[in-house]
Amino acid sequence: MPRTFNLSTSYLQTLFKKRTGYSLIHFFNLKKTQKACEYLNYTDLSIKEISVKLGFKDPLYFSRLFKNYMGVSPKAYKKSHNQK
């Protein structure tokens, strides 16, 4: 797709980071984490089901990534938000 506009992939990535402050992968992981929080708060989906919905093949990788961004595991997040 970048070739459609005669722009290189690396230029688009640099431009995105300059404009947003985030690399593309970091931005997409943030968005996936936000969506995971929605699923955890408003559905009864399992962590495995959520990870698959978000495009992760490995639920353990998803859990590590979630904890990296949120500071707690998906299970702990769900438990703490269901008590409120």
PDB file of N, CA and C in Angstrom:
ATOM      1  N   MET A   1       0.793  -1.198   0.000  1.00  0.00           N
ATOM      2  CA  MET A   1       0.000   0.000   0.000  1.00  0.00           C
ATOM      3  C   MET A   1       0.846   1.278   0.000  1.00  0.00           C
ATOM      4  N   PRO A   2       1.932   1.375   0.764  1.00  0.00           N
ATOM      5  CA  PRO A   2       2.725   2.607   0.731  1.00  0.00           C
ATOM      6  C   PRO A   2       3.181   2.962  -0.681  1.00  0.00           C
ATOM      7  N   ARG A   3       3.385   1.957  -1.524  1.00  0.00           N
ATOM      8  CA  ARG A   3       3.849   2.222  -2.879  1.00  0.00           C
ATOM      9  C   ARG A   3       2.790   2.983  -3.691  1.00  0.00           C
ATOM     10  N   THR A   4       1.537   2.833  -3.319  1.00  0.00           N
ATOM     11  CA  THR A   4       0.467   3.555  -3.994  1.00  0.00           C
ATOM     12  C   THR A   4       0.720   5.053  -3.930  1.00  0.00           C
ATOM     13  N   PHE A   5       1.294   5.511  -2.828  1.00  0.00           N
ATOM     14  CA  PHE A   5       1.568   6.924  -2.631  1.00  0.00           C
ATOM     15  C   PHE A   5       3.036   7.269  -2.872  1.00  0.00           C
ATOM     16  N   ASN A   6       3.792   6.307  -3.370  1.00  0.00           N
ATOM     17  CA  ASN A   6       5.224   6.481  -3.615  1.00  0.00           C
ATOM     18  C   ASN A   6       5.985   6.864  -2.344  1.00  0.00           C
ATOM     19  N   LEU A   7       5.608   6.271  -1.236  1.00  0.00           N
ATOM     20  CA  LEU A   7       6.282   6.488   0.036  1.00  0.00           C
ATOM     21  C   LEU A   7       6.815   5.158   0.545  1.00  0.00           C
ATOM     22  N   SER A   8       7.975   5.186   1.153  1.00  0.00           N
ATOM     23  CA  SER A   8       8.530   3.947   1.698  1.00  0.00           C
ATOM     24  C   SER A   8       7.877   3.632   3.037  1.00  0.00           C
ATOM     25  N   THR A   9       7.917   2.368   3.385  1.00  0.00           N
ATOM     26  CA  THR A   9       7.375   1.922   4.663  1.00  0.00           C
ATOM     27  C   THR A   9       8.112   2.592   5.813  1.00  0.00           C
ATOM     28  N   SER A  10       9.422   2.654   5.727  1.00  0.00           N
ATOM     29  CA  SER A  10      10.194   3.267   6.816  1.00  0.00           C
ATOM     30  C   SER A  10       9.868   4.753   6.969  1.00  0.00           C
ATOM     31  N   TYR A  11       9.624   5.449   5.860  1.00  0.00           N
ATOM     32  CA  TYR A  11       9.247   6.863   5.946  1.00  0.00           C
ATOM     33  C   TYR A  11       7.900   7.013   6.647  1.00  0.00           C
ATOM     34  N   LEU A  12       6.935   6.167   6.282  1.00  0.00           N
ATOM     35  CA  LEU A  12       5.620   6.227   6.930  1.00  0.00           C
ATOM     36  C   LEU A  12       5.721   5.925   8.421  1.00  0.00           C
ATOM     37  N   GLN A  13       6.546   4.950   8.782  1.00  0.00           N
ATOM     38  CA  GLN A  13       6.723   4.625  10.190  1.00  0.00           C
ATOM     39  C   GLN A  13       7.359   5.790  10.939  1.00  0.00           C
ATOM     40  N   THR A  14       8.344   6.420  10.335  1.00  0.00           N
ATOM     41  CA  THR A  14       9.001   7.571  10.946  1.00  0.00           C
ATOM     42  C   THR A  14       8.020   8.733  11.097  1.00  0.00           C
ATOM     43  N   LEU A  15       7.247   8.979  10.073  1.00  0.00           N
ATOM     44  CA  LEU A  15       6.256  10.047  10.107  1.00  0.00           C
ATOM     45  C   LEU A  15       5.208   9.790  11.193  1.00  0.00           C
ATOM     46  N   PHE A  16       4.747   8.546  11.284  1.00  0.00           N
ATOM     47  CA  PHE A  16       3.764   8.182  12.307  1.00  0.00           C
ATOM     48  C   PHE A  16       4.330   8.439  13.705  1.00  0.00           C
ATOM     49  N   LYS A  17       5.558   7.996  13.941  1.00  0.00           N
ATOM     50  CA  LYS A  17       6.170   8.181  15.257  1.00  0.00           C
ATOM     51  C   LYS A  17       6.367   9.666  15.561  1.00  0.00           C
ATOM     52  N   LYS A  18       6.759  10.423  14.572  1.00  0.00           N
ATOM     53  CA  LYS A  18       6.971  11.857  14.765  1.00  0.00           C
ATOM     54  C   LYS A  18       5.651  12.546  15.135  1.00  0.00           C
ATOM     55  N   ARG A  19       4.569  12.124  14.507  1.00  0.00           N
ATOM     56  CA  ARG A  19       3.271  12.768  14.732  1.00  0.00           C
ATOM     57  C   ARG A  19       2.581  12.296  16.007  1.00  0.00           C
ATOM     58  N   THR A  20       2.772  11.029  16.373  1.00  0.00           N
ATOM     59  CA  THR A  20       2.038  10.477  17.523  1.00  0.00           C
ATOM     60  C   THR A  20       2.902  10.256  18.752  1.00  0.00           C
ATOM     61  N   GLY A  21       4.206  10.113  18.547  1.00  0.00           N
ATOM     62  CA  GLY A  21       5.097   9.784  19.647  1.00  0.00           C
ATOM     63  C   GLY A  21       5.214   8.286  19.897  1.00  0.00           C
ATOM     64  N   TYR A  22       4.509   7.495  19.103  1.00  0.00           N
ATOM     65  CA  TYR A  22       4.513   6.038  19.267  1.00  0.00           C
ATOM     66  C   TYR A  22       4.991   5.356  17.993  1.00  0.00           C
ATOM     67  N   SER A  23       5.700   4.238  18.159  1.00  0.00           N
ATOM     68  CA  SER A  23       5.966   3.395  16.998  1.00  0.00           C
ATOM     69  C   SER A  23       4.645   2.721  16.624  1.00  0.00           C
ATOM     70  N   LEU A  24       4.548   2.233  15.392  1.00  0.00           N
ATOM     71  CA  LEU A  24       3.316   1.574  14.960  1.00  0.00           C
ATOM     72  C   LEU A  24       2.976   0.372  15.839  1.00  0.00           C
ATOM     73  N   ILE A  25       3.967  -0.458  16.132  1.00  0.00           N
ATOM     74  CA  ILE A  25       3.694  -1.662  16.922  1.00  0.00           C
ATOM     75  C   ILE A  25       3.241  -1.285  18.331  1.00  0.00           C
ATOM     76  N   HIS A  26       3.862  -0.273  18.917  1.00  0.00           N
ATOM     77  CA  HIS A  26       3.459   0.175  20.249  1.00  0.00           C
ATOM     78  C   HIS A  26       2.022   0.703  20.212  1.00  0.00           C
ATOM     79  N   PHE A  27       1.696   1.485  19.203  1.00  0.00           N
ATOM     80  CA  PHE A  27       0.349   2.037  19.061  1.00  0.00           C
ATOM     81  C   PHE A  27      -0.683   0.917  18.919  1.00  0.00           C
ATOM     82  N   PHE A  28      -0.411  -0.056  18.044  1.00  0.00           N
ATOM     83  CA  PHE A  28      -1.359  -1.153  17.864  1.00  0.00           C
ATOM     84  C   PHE A  28      -1.498  -1.985  19.131  1.00  0.00           C
ATOM     85  N   ASN A  29      -0.401  -2.206  19.845  1.00  0.00           N
ATOM     86  CA  ASN A  29      -0.488  -2.943  21.107  1.00  0.00           C
ATOM     87  C   ASN A  29      -1.292  -2.172  22.142  1.00  0.00           C
ATOM     88  N   LEU A  30      -1.158  -0.848  22.174  1.00  0.00           N
ATOM     89  CA  LEU A  30      -1.981  -0.031  23.077  1.00  0.00           C
ATOM     90  C   LEU A  30      -3.462  -0.179  22.739  1.00  0.00           C
ATOM     91  N   LYS A  31      -3.781  -0.117  21.463  1.00  0.00           N
ATOM     92  CA  LYS A  31      -5.175  -0.250  21.030  1.00  0.00           C
ATOM     93  C   LYS A  31      -5.722  -1.635  21.368  1.00  0.00           C
ATOM     94  N   LYS A  32      -4.916  -2.671  21.171  1.00  0.00           N
ATOM     95  CA  LYS A  32      -5.355  -4.025  21.521  1.00  0.00           C
ATOM     96  C   LYS A  32      -5.559  -4.157  23.020  1.00  0.00           C
ATOM     97  N   THR A  33      -4.703  -3.527  23.806  1.00  0.00           N
ATOM     98  CA  THR A  33      -4.839  -3.565  25.256  1.00  0.00           C
ATOM     99  C   THR A  33      -6.107  -2.835  25.685  1.00  0.00           C
ATOM    100  N   GLN A  34      -6.393  -1.706  25.070  1.00  0.00           N
ATOM    101  CA  GLN A  34      -7.630  -0.977  25.375  1.00  0.00           C
ATOM    102  C   GLN A  34      -8.852  -1.835  25.055  1.00  0.00           C
ATOM    103  N   LYS A  35      -8.820  -2.501  23.913  1.00  0.00           N
ATOM    104  CA  LYS A  35      -9.944  -3.360  23.534  1.00  0.00           C
ATOM    105  C   LYS A  35     -10.064  -4.536  24.493  1.00  0.00           C
ATOM    106  N   ALA A  36      -8.938  -5.082  24.925  1.00  0.00           N
ATOM    107  CA  ALA A  36      -8.961  -6.182  25.900  1.00  0.00           C
ATOM    108  C   ALA A  36      -9.619  -5.718  27.191  1.00  0.00           C
ATOM    109  N   CYS A  37      -9.311  -4.504  27.623  1.00  0.00           N
ATOM    110  CA  CYS A  37      -9.938  -3.967  28.840  1.00  0.00           C
ATOM    111  C   CYS A  37     -11.452  -3.893  28.678  1.00  0.00           C
ATOM    112  N   GLU A  38     -11.915  -3.465  27.512  1.00  0.00           N
ATOM    113  CA  GLU A  38     -13.354  -3.425  27.247  1.00  0.00           C
ATOM    114  C   GLU A  38     -13.962  -4.822  27.349  1.00  0.00           C
ATOM    115  N   TYR A  39     -13.320  -5.791  26.705  1.00  0.00           N
ATOM    116  CA  TYR A  39     -13.828  -7.165  26.773  1.00  0.00           C
ATOM    117  C   TYR A  39     -13.842  -7.673  28.214  1.00  0.00           C
ATOM    118  N   LEU A  40     -12.783  -7.393  28.957  1.00  0.00           N
ATOM    119  CA  LEU A  40     -12.709  -7.859  30.340  1.00  0.00           C
ATOM    120  C   LEU A  40     -13.765  -7.189  31.212  1.00  0.00           C
ATOM    121  N   ASN A  41     -14.055  -5.929  30.950  1.00  0.00           N
ATOM    122  CA  ASN A  41     -15.035  -5.193  31.751  1.00  0.00           C
ATOM    123  C   ASN A  41     -16.478  -5.521  31.400  1.00  0.00           C
ATOM    124  N   TYR A  42     -16.745  -5.770  30.127  1.00  0.00           N
ATOM    125  CA  TYR A  42     -18.145  -5.818  29.681  1.00  0.00           C
ATOM    126  C   TYR A  42     -18.604  -7.138  29.088  1.00  0.00           C
ATOM    127  N   THR A  43     -17.747  -8.151  29.100  1.00  0.00           N
ATOM    128  CA  THR A  43     -18.168  -9.462  28.583  1.00  0.00           C
ATOM    129  C   THR A  43     -17.745 -10.554  29.563  1.00  0.00           C
ATOM    130  N   ASP A  44     -18.224 -11.733  29.295  1.00  0.00           N
ATOM    131  CA  ASP A  44     -17.804 -12.907  30.073  1.00  0.00           C
ATOM    132  C   ASP A  44     -16.835 -13.774  29.283  1.00  0.00           C
ATOM    133  N   LEU A  45     -16.213 -13.204  28.252  1.00  0.00           N
ATOM    134  CA  LEU A  45     -15.252 -13.961  27.460  1.00  0.00           C
ATOM    135  C   LEU A  45     -14.057 -14.357  28.316  1.00  0.00           C
ATOM    136  N   SER A  46     -13.510 -15.529  28.034  1.00  0.00           N
ATOM    137  CA  SER A  46     -12.308 -15.969  28.731  1.00  0.00           C
ATOM    138  C   SER A  46     -11.105 -15.196  28.188  1.00  0.00           C
ATOM    139  N   ILE A  47     -10.023 -15.247  28.917  1.00  0.00           N
ATOM    140  CA  ILE A  47      -8.800 -14.577  28.479  1.00  0.00           C
ATOM    141  C   ILE A  47      -8.326 -15.184  27.159  1.00  0.00           C
ATOM    142  N   LYS A  48      -8.450 -16.483  27.021  1.00  0.00           N
ATOM    143  CA  LYS A  48      -8.065 -17.140  25.771  1.00  0.00           C
ATOM    144  C   LYS A  48      -8.932 -16.641  24.617  1.00  0.00           C
ATOM    145  N   GLU A  49     -10.244 -16.531  24.825  1.00  0.00           N
ATOM    146  CA  GLU A  49     -11.139 -16.045  23.776  1.00  0.00           C
ATOM    147  C   GLU A  49     -10.806 -14.600  23.389  1.00  0.00           C
ATOM    148  N   ILE A  50     -10.497 -13.787  24.387  1.00  0.00           N
ATOM    149  CA  ILE A  50     -10.135 -12.393  24.119  1.00  0.00           C
ATOM    150  C   ILE A  50      -8.848 -12.325  23.320  1.00  0.00           C
ATOM    151  N   SER A  51      -7.865 -13.134  23.711  1.00  0.00           N
ATOM    152  CA  SER A  51      -6.587 -13.105  22.989  1.00  0.00           C
ATOM    153  C   SER A  51      -6.779 -13.492  21.530  1.00  0.00           C
ATOM    154  N   VAL A  52      -7.610 -14.479  21.264  1.00  0.00           N
ATOM    155  CA  VAL A  52      -7.877 -14.896  19.884  1.00  0.00           C
ATOM    156  C   VAL A  52      -8.604 -13.786  19.126  1.00  0.00           C
ATOM    157  N   LYS A  53      -9.603 -13.163  19.754  1.00  0.00           N
ATOM    158  CA  LYS A  53     -10.337 -12.066  19.117  1.00  0.00           C
ATOM    159  C   LYS A  53      -9.410 -10.917  18.725  1.00  0.00           C
ATOM    160  N   LEU A  54      -8.370 -10.713  19.516  1.00  0.00           N
ATOM    161  CA  LEU A  54      -7.444  -9.618  19.260  1.00  0.00           C
ATOM    162  C   LEU A  54      -6.292 -10.020  18.345  1.00  0.00           C
ATOM    163  N   GLY A  55      -6.300 -11.264  17.868  1.00  0.00           N
ATOM    164  CA  GLY A  55      -5.316 -11.695  16.883  1.00  0.00           C
ATOM    165  C   GLY A  55      -4.059 -12.326  17.456  1.00  0.00           C
ATOM    166  N   PHE A  56      -4.088 -12.706  18.724  1.00  0.00           N
ATOM    167  CA  PHE A  56      -2.928 -13.360  19.327  1.00  0.00           C
ATOM    168  C   PHE A  56      -3.097 -14.865  19.225  1.00  0.00           C
ATOM    169  N   LYS A  57      -2.059 -15.547  18.768  1.00  0.00           N
ATOM    170  CA  LYS A  57      -2.097 -17.008  18.671  1.00  0.00           C
ATOM    171  C   LYS A  57      -1.771 -17.651  20.008  1.00  0.00           C
ATOM    172  N   ASP A  58      -1.039 -16.936  20.839  1.00  0.00           N
ATOM    173  CA  ASP A  58      -0.579 -17.474  22.120  1.00  0.00           C
ATOM    174  C   ASP A  58      -1.172 -16.660  23.272  1.00  0.00           C
ATOM    175  N   PRO A  59      -2.110 -17.230  24.033  1.00  0.00           N
ATOM    176  CA  PRO A  59      -2.705 -16.499  25.150  1.00  0.00           C
ATOM    177  C   PRO A  59      -1.687 -16.083  26.210  1.00  0.00           C
ATOM    178  N   LEU A  60      -0.615 -16.850  26.369  1.00  0.00           N
ATOM    179  CA  LEU A  60       0.406 -16.475  27.350  1.00  0.00           C
ATOM    180  C   LEU A  60       1.156 -15.220  26.907  1.00  0.00           C
ATOM    181  N   TYR A  61       1.424 -15.117  25.614  1.00  0.00           N
ATOM    182  CA  TYR A  61       2.051 -13.907  25.088  1.00  0.00           C
ATOM    183  C   TYR A  61       1.126 -12.710  25.285  1.00  0.00           C
ATOM    184  N   PHE A  62      -0.158 -12.901  24.986  1.00  0.00           N
ATOM    185  CA  PHE A  62      -1.138 -11.841  25.200  1.00  0.00           C
ATOM    186  C   PHE A  62      -1.140 -11.398  26.661  1.00  0.00           C
ATOM    187  N   SER A  63      -1.128 -12.340  27.588  1.00  0.00           N
ATOM    188  CA  SER A  63      -1.146 -12.005  29.015  1.00  0.00           C
ATOM    189  C   SER A  63       0.098 -11.218  29.418  1.00  0.00           C
ATOM    190  N   ARG A  64       1.255 -11.605  28.901  1.00  0.00           N
ATOM    191  CA  ARG A  64       2.496 -10.871  29.206  1.00  0.00           C
ATOM    192  C   ARG A  64       2.445  -9.452  28.646  1.00  0.00           C
ATOM    193  N   LEU A  65       1.964  -9.330  27.426  1.00  0.00           N
ATOM    194  CA  LEU A  65       1.857  -8.018  26.806  1.00  0.00           C
ATOM    195  C   LEU A  65       0.872  -7.140  27.589  1.00  0.00           C
ATOM    196  N   PHE A  66      -0.269  -7.694  27.957  1.00  0.00           N
ATOM    197  CA  PHE A  66      -1.278  -6.968  28.731  1.00  0.00           C
ATOM    198  C   PHE A  66      -0.680  -6.484  30.047  1.00  0.00           C
ATOM    199  N   LYS A  67       0.024  -7.373  30.741  1.00  0.00           N
ATOM    200  CA  LYS A  67       0.633  -6.999  32.016  1.00  0.00           C
ATOM    201  C   LYS A  67       1.693  -5.915  31.828  1.00  0.00           C
ATOM    202  N   ASN A  68       2.413  -5.982  30.742  1.00  0.00           N
ATOM    203  CA  ASN A  68       3.421  -4.976  30.440  1.00  0.00           C
ATOM    204  C   ASN A  68       2.785  -3.586  30.313  1.00  0.00           C
ATOM    205  N   TYR A  69       1.626  -3.516  29.681  1.00  0.00           N
ATOM    206  CA  TYR A  69       0.954  -2.232  29.468  1.00  0.00           C
ATOM    207  C   TYR A  69       0.104  -1.804  30.666  1.00  0.00           C
ATOM    208  N   MET A  70      -0.520  -2.741  31.350  1.00  0.00           N
ATOM    209  CA  MET A  70      -1.472  -2.394  32.412  1.00  0.00           C
ATOM    210  C   MET A  70      -0.920  -2.561  33.829  1.00  0.00           C
ATOM    211  N   GLY A  71       0.182  -3.268  33.962  1.00  0.00           N
ATOM    212  CA  GLY A  71       0.777  -3.456  35.285  1.00  0.00           C
ATOM    213  C   GLY A  71       0.207  -4.621  36.067  1.00  0.00           C
ATOM    214  N   VAL A  72      -0.849  -5.230  35.557  1.00  0.00           N
ATOM    215  CA  VAL A  72      -1.458  -6.413  36.185  1.00  0.00           C
ATOM    216  C   VAL A  72      -1.847  -7.393  35.080  1.00  0.00           C
ATOM    217  N   SER A  73      -2.012  -8.636  35.450  1.00  0.00           N
ATOM    218  CA  SER A  73      -2.423  -9.648  34.480  1.00  0.00           C
ATOM    219  C   SER A  73      -3.883  -9.417  34.086  1.00  0.00           C
ATOM    220  N   PRO A  74      -4.310  -9.961  32.947  1.00  0.00           N
ATOM    221  CA  PRO A  74      -5.727  -9.830  32.571  1.00  0.00           C
ATOM    222  C   PRO A  74      -6.657 -10.395  33.644  1.00  0.00           C
ATOM    223  N   LYS A  75      -6.257 -11.499  34.258  1.00  0.00           N
ATOM    224  CA  LYS A  75      -7.082 -12.115  35.301  1.00  0.00           C
ATOM    225  C   LYS A  75      -7.229 -11.174  36.502  1.00  0.00           C
ATOM    226  N   ALA A  76      -6.125 -10.589  36.939  1.00  0.00           N
ATOM    227  CA  ALA A  76      -6.166  -9.656  38.070  1.00  0.00           C
ATOM    228  C   ALA A  76      -6.961  -8.401  37.709  1.00  0.00           C
ATOM    229  N   TYR A  77      -6.805  -7.935  36.478  1.00  0.00           N
ATOM    230  CA  TYR A  77      -7.549  -6.765  36.020  1.00  0.00           C
ATOM    231  C   TYR A  77      -9.045  -7.042  36.081  1.00  0.00           C
ATOM    232  N   LYS A  78      -9.462  -8.182  35.539  1.00  0.00           N
ATOM    233  CA  LYS A  78     -10.877  -8.534  35.524  1.00  0.00           C
ATOM    234  C   LYS A  78     -11.411  -8.663  36.942  1.00  0.00           C
ATOM    235  N   LYS A  79     -10.640  -9.313  37.805  1.00  0.00           N
ATOM    236  CA  LYS A  79     -11.076  -9.496  39.186  1.00  0.00           C
ATOM    237  C   LYS A  79     -11.243  -8.152  39.895  1.00  0.00           C
ATOM    238  N   SER A  80     -10.297  -7.252  39.734  1.00  0.00           N
ATOM    239  CA  SER A  80     -10.368  -5.966  40.428  1.00  0.00           C
ATOM    240  C   SER A  80     -11.479  -5.082  39.880  1.00  0.00           C
ATOM    241  N   HIS A  81     -11.799  -5.208  38.594  1.00  0.00           N
ATOM    242  CA  HIS A  81     -12.844  -4.370  38.016  1.00  0.00           C
ATOM    243  C   HIS A  81     -14.241  -4.969  38.195  1.00  0.00           C
ATOM    244  N   ASN A  82     -14.333  -6.234  38.481  1.00  0.00           N
ATOM    245  CA  ASN A  82     -15.633  -6.855  38.746  1.00  0.00           C
ATOM    246  C   ASN A  82     -16.081  -6.646  40.185  1.00  0.00           C
ATOM    247  N   GLN A  83     -15.173  -6.268  41.055  1.00  0.00           N
ATOM    248  CA  GLN A  83     -15.508  -6.041  42.454  1.00  0.00           C
ATOM    249  C   GLN A  83     -16.157  -4.675  42.665  1.00  0.00           C
ATOM    250  N   LYS A  84     -16.015  -3.793  41.700  1.00  0.00           N
ATOM    251  CA  LYS A  84     -16.542  -2.420  41.851  1.00  0.00           C
ATOM    252  C   LYS A  84     -18.003  -2.326  41.536  1.00  0.00           C
TER     253      LYS A  84
END
